[in-house]
Protein backbone atom coordinates (compact mmCIF):
# COMPACT_ATOMS: atom_id res chain seq x y z
CA MET A 1 9.50 -27.39 -29.63
CA LYS A 2 9.15 -23.57 -30.00
CA LYS A 3 9.77 -21.67 -26.97
CA ILE A 4 6.79 -19.76 -25.23
CA ASN A 5 8.04 -16.10 -25.46
CA VAL A 6 7.02 -14.13 -22.29
CA ALA A 7 7.07 -10.61 -21.01
CA VAL A 8 7.30 -9.24 -17.77
CA ALA A 9 5.18 -5.31 -16.94
CA GLY A 10 6.35 -4.17 -13.78
CA LEU A 11 9.54 -4.67 -11.96
CA GLY A 12 7.99 -4.21 -8.33
CA ARG A 13 8.26 -6.89 -5.18
CA ILE A 14 6.16 -9.12 -6.81
CA GLY A 15 7.43 -8.81 -10.53
CA LYS A 16 10.92 -9.80 -9.89
CA ILE A 17 9.73 -12.54 -8.29
CA HIS A 18 8.11 -14.09 -11.37
CA LEU A 19 10.96 -12.46 -13.34
CA LYS A 20 13.35 -14.58 -11.43
CA ASN A 21 11.12 -17.78 -11.46
CA LEU A 22 10.64 -17.65 -15.35
CA CYS A 23 14.24 -17.22 -16.01
CA ARG A 24 15.89 -20.05 -13.64
CA ASN A 25 13.06 -22.28 -13.19
CA PHE A 26 11.01 -23.03 -17.15
CA SER A 27 13.35 -24.30 -19.60
CA GLU A 28 9.78 -24.50 -22.11
CA ILE A 29 9.78 -20.27 -21.94
CA GLU A 30 12.06 -17.55 -22.84
CA VAL A 31 11.60 -14.01 -21.05
CA VAL A 32 12.22 -11.65 -24.29
CA ALA A 33 11.12 -8.68 -22.57
CA VAL A 34 10.52 -6.73 -19.53
CA MET A 35 8.87 -3.48 -18.73
CA ASP A 36 8.75 -0.78 -15.86
CA VAL A 37 8.17 2.74 -15.60
CA PHE A 38 11.31 3.55 -13.91
CA ASN A 39 14.23 3.46 -16.07
CA GLU A 40 16.81 2.11 -12.96
CA SER A 41 14.81 -0.95 -13.61
CA LYS A 42 17.10 -1.53 -16.18
CA LEU A 43 19.38 -3.09 -14.21
CA ILE A 44 17.40 -6.05 -13.17
CA ALA A 45 16.60 -6.65 -17.02
CA ASP A 46 20.41 -6.52 -17.68
CA GLU A 47 20.86 -8.55 -14.69
CA PHE A 48 18.85 -11.32 -15.68
CA ASN A 49 20.16 -10.81 -19.53
CA ILE A 50 16.83 -9.66 -20.82
CA PRO A 51 17.20 -8.66 -24.51
CA VAL A 52 14.58 -5.96 -24.48
CA PHE A 53 13.82 -3.30 -21.73
CA VAL A 54 11.19 -0.32 -22.33
CA ILE A 55 9.15 1.93 -20.23
CA ASP A 56 5.53 1.67 -21.93
CA PHE A 57 3.09 -1.25 -21.87
CA ASP A 58 2.22 -0.51 -26.08
CA GLU A 59 6.19 -0.68 -26.81
CA LEU A 60 6.01 -4.04 -24.76
CA LEU A 61 3.02 -5.39 -26.76
CA ALA A 62 4.81 -4.58 -29.87
CA VAL A 63 7.74 -6.89 -29.65
CA PRO A 64 7.96 -9.59 -32.17
CA ASP A 65 6.63 -12.95 -31.59
CA LEU A 66 5.74 -12.40 -27.79
CA ASP A 67 3.17 -14.89 -26.60
CA VAL A 68 2.52 -14.31 -23.12
CA VAL A 69 2.66 -11.22 -20.58
CA VAL A 70 2.77 -11.16 -17.17
CA ILE A 71 1.48 -8.13 -15.22
CA CYS A 72 2.67 -7.04 -12.21
CA SER A 73 1.99 -3.40 -12.33
CA PRO A 74 0.10 -1.26 -9.55
CA THR A 75 -3.60 -2.07 -9.19
CA ASP A 76 -4.91 0.85 -11.28
CA THR A 77 -3.11 -0.62 -14.51
CA HIS A 78 -4.75 -4.00 -14.04
CA ALA A 79 -7.41 -3.58 -16.10
CA ASP A 80 -6.48 -1.56 -19.12
CA TYR A 81 -2.98 -3.62 -19.51
CA VAL A 82 -5.39 -6.43 -19.65
CA VAL A 83 -7.72 -4.87 -22.09
CA LYS A 84 -4.57 -3.90 -24.24
CA ALA A 85 -2.96 -7.61 -24.24
CA ALA A 86 -6.43 -9.10 -24.70
CA LYS A 87 -6.62 -7.20 -27.99
CA ALA A 88 -3.19 -8.02 -29.11
CA GLY A 89 -3.97 -11.84 -28.67
CA LYS A 90 -1.31 -12.40 -25.82
CA GLN A 91 -1.94 -15.08 -23.02
CA ILE A 92 -2.01 -13.14 -19.87
CA PHE A 93 -0.99 -13.44 -16.07
CA CYS A 94 -2.21 -10.82 -13.99
CA GLU A 95 -1.40 -9.99 -10.23
CA LYS A 96 -4.83 -9.39 -8.26
CA PRO A 97 -7.17 -7.41 -8.15
CA LEU A 98 -8.14 -7.28 -11.97
CA ASP A 99 -9.93 -3.74 -10.88
CA LEU A 100 -11.40 -1.96 -7.69
CA SER A 101 -14.81 -1.85 -9.48
CA LEU A 102 -17.14 -4.55 -10.09
CA ASP A 103 -18.35 -2.95 -13.47
CA ARG A 104 -14.74 -2.35 -14.73
CA VAL A 105 -13.96 -6.07 -14.04
CA LYS A 106 -16.79 -7.36 -15.73
CA GLU A 107 -16.32 -5.10 -18.83
CA VAL A 108 -12.44 -6.18 -18.93
CA LEU A 109 -13.48 -10.01 -18.50
CA GLU A 110 -16.17 -9.83 -21.44
CA ILE A 111 -13.19 -8.41 -23.45
CA VAL A 112 -10.80 -11.35 -22.53
CA ASN A 113 -13.87 -13.85 -23.60
CA GLU A 114 -14.10 -12.32 -26.71
CA SER A 115 -10.51 -12.31 -27.83
CA GLY A 116 -10.27 -16.03 -26.81
CA VAL A 117 -7.18 -15.61 -25.01
CA LYS A 118 -6.33 -17.44 -21.49
CA LEU A 119 -6.56 -14.92 -18.17
CA MET A 120 -4.99 -16.31 -14.91
CA LEU A 121 -5.14 -13.73 -11.65
CA GLY A 122 -2.49 -14.10 -9.08
CA PHE A 123 -3.92 -15.33 -6.21
CA ASN A 124 -0.61 -17.46 -4.95
CA ARG A 125 -1.93 -18.83 -1.90
CA ARG A 126 -3.97 -21.55 -4.17
CA PHE A 127 -0.34 -22.76 -4.62
CA ASP A 128 0.92 -22.83 -1.06
CA PRO A 129 1.64 -26.93 -0.37
CA GLU A 130 -0.02 -27.46 2.83
CA PHE A 131 -2.74 -25.27 1.88
CA LYS A 132 -2.67 -27.55 -1.52
CA LYS A 133 -2.46 -30.81 0.99
CA ILE A 134 -5.60 -29.55 2.71
CA ARG A 135 -7.65 -28.93 -0.35
CA GLN A 136 -6.98 -32.63 -1.79
CA LEU A 137 -8.22 -33.94 2.23
CA VAL A 138 -11.38 -32.37 1.22
CA VAL A 139 -11.75 -33.21 -2.13
CA ASN A 140 -10.52 -36.73 -1.31
CA ASP A 141 -13.49 -36.54 1.31
CA ALA A 142 -10.80 -37.41 4.24
CA ILE A 143 -12.55 -34.66 6.11
CA GLY A 144 -16.26 -35.53 5.27
CA ASP A 145 -18.37 -32.89 4.56
CA PRO A 146 -16.90 -29.53 5.38
CA GLN A 147 -18.90 -27.45 8.26
CA ILE A 148 -16.44 -24.73 9.55
CA ILE A 149 -13.61 -23.22 7.86
CA LYS A 150 -11.02 -21.18 10.02
CA ILE A 151 -8.57 -19.03 8.33
CA THR A 152 -6.28 -16.71 10.23
CA SER A 153 -3.99 -14.12 8.12
CA ARG A 154 -2.40 -11.41 9.92
CA ASP A 155 0.36 -9.28 8.30
CA PRO A 156 4.14 -8.71 10.44
CA GLY A 157 3.40 -4.98 9.97
CA PRO A 158 1.08 -2.12 8.18
CA PRO A 159 1.86 -0.63 4.67
CA PRO A 160 2.13 2.64 4.10
CA VAL A 161 -0.97 4.99 4.60
CA SER A 162 -0.25 6.09 1.39
CA TYR A 163 -0.78 2.45 0.24
CA ILE A 164 -3.50 2.18 1.93
CA LYS A 165 -5.21 5.22 0.38
CA VAL A 166 -5.12 3.73 -3.02
CA SER A 167 -5.36 0.25 -2.34
CA GLY A 168 -9.15 -0.28 -2.10
CA GLY A 169 -8.90 -1.13 2.00
CA MET A 170 -8.02 -4.12 3.85
CA PHE A 171 -10.83 -5.98 2.12
CA LEU A 172 -9.42 -5.62 -1.50
CA ASP A 173 -5.72 -5.94 -0.91
CA MET A 174 -5.05 -7.89 2.06
CA THR A 175 -8.58 -10.29 2.96
CA ILE A 176 -8.96 -11.10 -1.11
CA HIS A 177 -6.41 -13.88 -0.82
CA ASP A 178 -8.37 -15.17 2.49
CA PHE A 179 -11.84 -14.84 0.60
CA ASP A 180 -10.28 -16.80 -2.56
CA MET A 181 -8.81 -19.29 -0.12
CA ALA A 182 -12.22 -20.04 1.60
CA ARG A 183 -13.91 -20.27 -1.82
CA TYR A 184 -10.98 -22.79 -2.59
CA ILE A 185 -10.75 -24.79 0.09
CA SER A 186 -14.60 -25.57 0.27
CA GLY A 187 -15.09 -25.85 -3.60
CA LYS A 188 -18.13 -24.01 -2.73
CA GLN A 189 -19.60 -20.65 -3.46
CA VAL A 190 -20.77 -17.80 -0.83
CA LYS A 191 -24.03 -16.49 -0.37
CA GLU A 192 -23.47 -14.25 2.85
CA VAL A 193 -21.18 -11.79 4.29
CA TYR A 194 -21.05 -10.65 7.60
CA ALA A 195 -18.01 -8.47 8.98
CA LYS A 196 -16.97 -6.53 12.00
CA GLY A 197 -13.89 -4.32 12.04
CA ALA A 198 -12.13 -2.00 13.87
CA VAL A 199 -8.71 0.63 13.90
CA MET A 200 -6.77 -1.03 16.93
CA VAL A 201 -2.83 -0.67 14.89
CA ASP A 202 -2.63 2.90 13.74
CA PRO A 203 -4.78 5.82 13.80
CA GLU A 204 -3.61 7.08 10.80
CA ILE A 205 -5.18 3.71 8.94
CA GLY A 206 -8.43 5.32 10.37
CA LYS A 207 -7.97 8.37 8.93
CA ALA A 208 -7.44 7.20 5.89
CA GLY A 209 -11.28 5.72 5.94
CA ASP A 210 -9.46 2.11 6.30
CA ILE A 211 -9.77 -0.40 9.20
CA ASP A 212 -6.80 -2.87 10.39
CA THR A 213 -8.44 -5.58 12.43
CA ALA A 214 -11.37 -7.48 11.15
CA ILE A 215 -13.33 -10.58 11.58
CA ILE A 216 -15.68 -11.92 8.77
CA THR A 217 -17.90 -14.48 8.68
CA LEU A 218 -18.82 -16.10 5.29
CA THR A 219 -21.58 -18.64 4.75
CA PHE A 220 -21.98 -20.74 1.42
CA GLU A 221 -25.17 -21.77 -0.03
CA ASP A 222 -25.25 -25.37 1.39
CA GLY A 223 -24.92 -23.85 4.92
CA THR A 224 -21.28 -24.48 5.59
CA MET A 225 -19.64 -21.54 7.28
CA ALA A 226 -16.18 -19.91 7.12
CA VAL A 227 -14.50 -17.40 9.91
CA ILE A 228 -11.50 -15.22 8.28
CA ASP A 229 -9.61 -13.20 11.49
CA ASN A 230 -7.15 -10.28 9.89
CA CYS A 231 -4.92 -7.89 11.60
CA ARG A 232 -2.88 -5.52 9.71
CA LYS A 233 0.05 -6.26 12.86
CA ALA A 234 1.01 -9.70 14.63
CA VAL A 235 4.35 -8.66 16.30
CA TYR A 236 5.68 -12.35 16.11
CA GLY A 237 5.86 -12.57 12.39
CA TYR A 238 3.55 -13.43 9.30
CA ASP A 239 0.46 -15.72 10.98
CA GLN A 240 -1.09 -17.80 8.20
CA ARG A 241 -3.00 -20.62 9.31
CA LEU A 242 -5.85 -22.73 8.21
CA GLU A 243 -8.59 -25.41 9.52
CA VAL A 244 -11.22 -27.10 8.04
CA PHE A 245 -13.47 -29.25 10.58
CA GLY A 246 -16.28 -31.58 8.82
CA SER A 247 -18.24 -34.53 9.77
CA LYS A 248 -15.44 -36.89 9.51
CA GLY A 249 -12.46 -35.20 11.00
CA MET A 250 -10.43 -31.80 11.26
CA ALA A 251 -7.33 -30.88 8.92
CA GLN A 252 -5.03 -27.91 9.76
CA ALA A 253 -1.92 -26.22 8.32
CA GLU A 254 0.05 -24.32 10.73
CA ASN A 255 2.60 -21.11 10.03
CA ASN A 256 6.06 -21.83 8.30
CA PHE A 257 8.95 -21.20 10.24
CA PRO A 258 12.85 -20.87 9.75
CA ASN A 259 13.50 -24.53 11.57
CA ASN A 260 11.05 -26.83 13.28
CA HIS A 261 13.43 -27.05 16.19
CA LYS A 262 12.50 -26.31 20.08
CA LEU A 263 14.16 -25.98 23.10
CA TYR A 264 13.31 -27.26 26.24
CA THR A 265 14.90 -26.32 29.74
CA ALA A 266 13.68 -25.33 33.16
CA ALA A 267 13.08 -22.06 32.27
CA GLY A 268 10.15 -22.90 29.79
CA VAL A 269 9.84 -24.23 26.18
CA SER A 270 11.61 -21.95 23.05
CA GLY A 271 11.71 -21.71 19.13
CA ASP A 272 11.49 -19.64 16.66
CA LEU A 273 9.19 -17.14 15.39
CA PRO A 274 7.08 -17.32 12.08
CA LEU A 275 8.89 -16.43 8.88
CA HIS A 276 8.20 -12.35 8.96
CA PHE A 277 7.37 -11.67 5.25
CA PHE A 278 5.23 -12.52 2.93
CA LEU A 279 7.72 -13.27 -0.04
CA GLU A 280 9.59 -16.00 2.68
CA ARG A 281 6.38 -17.15 3.17
CA TYR A 282 4.83 -17.86 0.15
CA ASP A 283 8.37 -18.29 -1.78
CA ALA A 284 7.28 -21.80 -3.09
CA SER A 285 3.59 -21.13 -4.30
CA TYR A 286 4.55 -17.93 -6.13
CA ASN A 287 6.69 -20.48 -8.22
CA GLN A 288 3.88 -23.20 -8.48
CA GLU A 289 1.72 -20.41 -9.40
CA ILE A 290 3.66 -19.73 -12.65
CA ARG A 291 4.44 -23.48 -13.37
CA GLU A 292 0.42 -24.20 -13.10
CA PHE A 293 0.19 -20.89 -15.59
CA ILE A 294 2.64 -22.03 -18.25
CA ASP A 295 1.49 -26.04 -18.11
CA ALA A 296 -2.08 -24.64 -18.70
CA ILE A 297 -1.15 -22.55 -22.00
CA VAL A 298 1.19 -25.53 -23.05
CA SER A 299 -1.51 -28.13 -22.21
CA GLY A 300 -4.44 -25.70 -23.72
CA SER A 301 -6.30 -26.54 -20.19
CA LYS A 302 -8.34 -24.09 -18.13
CA MET A 303 -6.61 -21.38 -15.78
CA PRO A 304 -6.61 -22.72 -12.14
CA VAL A 305 -7.68 -19.38 -11.47
CA ASP A 306 -9.87 -17.53 -13.70
CA GLY A 307 -11.10 -14.21 -14.05
CA ASN A 308 -14.61 -15.26 -12.60
CA ASP A 309 -12.47 -16.03 -9.17
CA GLY A 310 -11.34 -12.79 -9.59
CA LEU A 311 -14.61 -11.18 -9.77
CA LEU A 312 -16.40 -13.23 -6.72
CA SER A 313 -13.34 -11.99 -4.56
CA ILE A 314 -13.71 -8.55 -5.09
CA ALA A 315 -17.31 -8.98 -4.94
CA ILE A 316 -17.02 -10.88 -1.41
CA GLY A 317 -14.69 -7.82 -0.25
CA LEU A 318 -17.33 -4.95 -1.33
CA ALA A 319 -20.17 -7.35 0.52
CA ALA A 320 -17.65 -6.82 3.45
CA LYS A 321 -16.91 -3.14 3.38
CA LYS A 322 -21.04 -2.79 2.98
CA SER A 323 -21.55 -5.42 5.86
CA ILE A 324 -19.61 -2.80 8.25
CA GLN A 325 -21.10 0.51 6.65
CA GLU A 326 -24.36 -1.00 7.53
CA ASN A 327 -23.85 -3.24 10.46
CA ARG A 328 -25.46 -6.30 9.10
CA PRO A 329 -25.46 -9.90 6.96
CA VAL A 330 -25.01 -8.69 3.33
CA PRO A 331 -26.24 -11.32 0.51
CA LEU A 332 -23.52 -11.52 -2.53
CA SER A 333 -26.28 -10.92 -4.54
CA GLU A 334 -26.73 -7.48 -3.25
CA VAL A 335 -23.35 -6.57 -4.56
CA LEU A 336 -22.94 -8.65 -7.80
């Protein structure tokens, strides 16, 4: 069988992870080209023996016999790159978000649909082994009818304020994963969003027009509720927990640790802190995410996370922003 020819655009932190996984873990594909605006990234291409390195996306699309483009470049390039790749007939994986504007996302998705190519958005937490188990328990009715979903997502430290100024804010660069997770775990659609937020970590974040701490309540169409709590700084590490409470019981996914031993002495009980960084915490999920993307291309099946999933997560984020600004619950229909 002919190998699938893949190119990776953007060799930042996430791009390097996807490139490593594609090169090392997939016999059915061949990474034939990479693109990055920084010439020094050619060293990364050389490390993985990639034959073509370019600094321009149009040059990347011109590589002969290219089948798939994996887009890991900065957010403000995503929409344009996806449009170009779709018009060139390439299958597309793109990191979230597709864009910070709902109107622009809708335009891009229309072009993708017209082009007849597949598009998957990079919501990698769906592919975390523990979270997938929780989802399967919900599907198998082991918990009964879900009534309350609780998601805790706290970073070990905030990103630079320079990033926050262009990221779209906490709801669109951080909580967007949790919005998608709430939809994924429940299998339901959000009807209403109510958010409260504050600046408790760094006053400079507030000066940049954002918040660093928030609690968001989502109400689904059938009345099921989800509560998400976020903070940009948890001094003990990367705090990622999930709970689903239902009519038959409850399921929980706890933090991942370097190891699970605990020491019990007269002085107390001690153990390791949670994994400290998202690249460590979600290492397995990044690999599984690309695995399922490639499988969908090979089988011709539906993408596990499509453009509409990305659209709805952005819409929930914008509704949360509006909720804080107007101090009221916001129906999702107001922003869609």
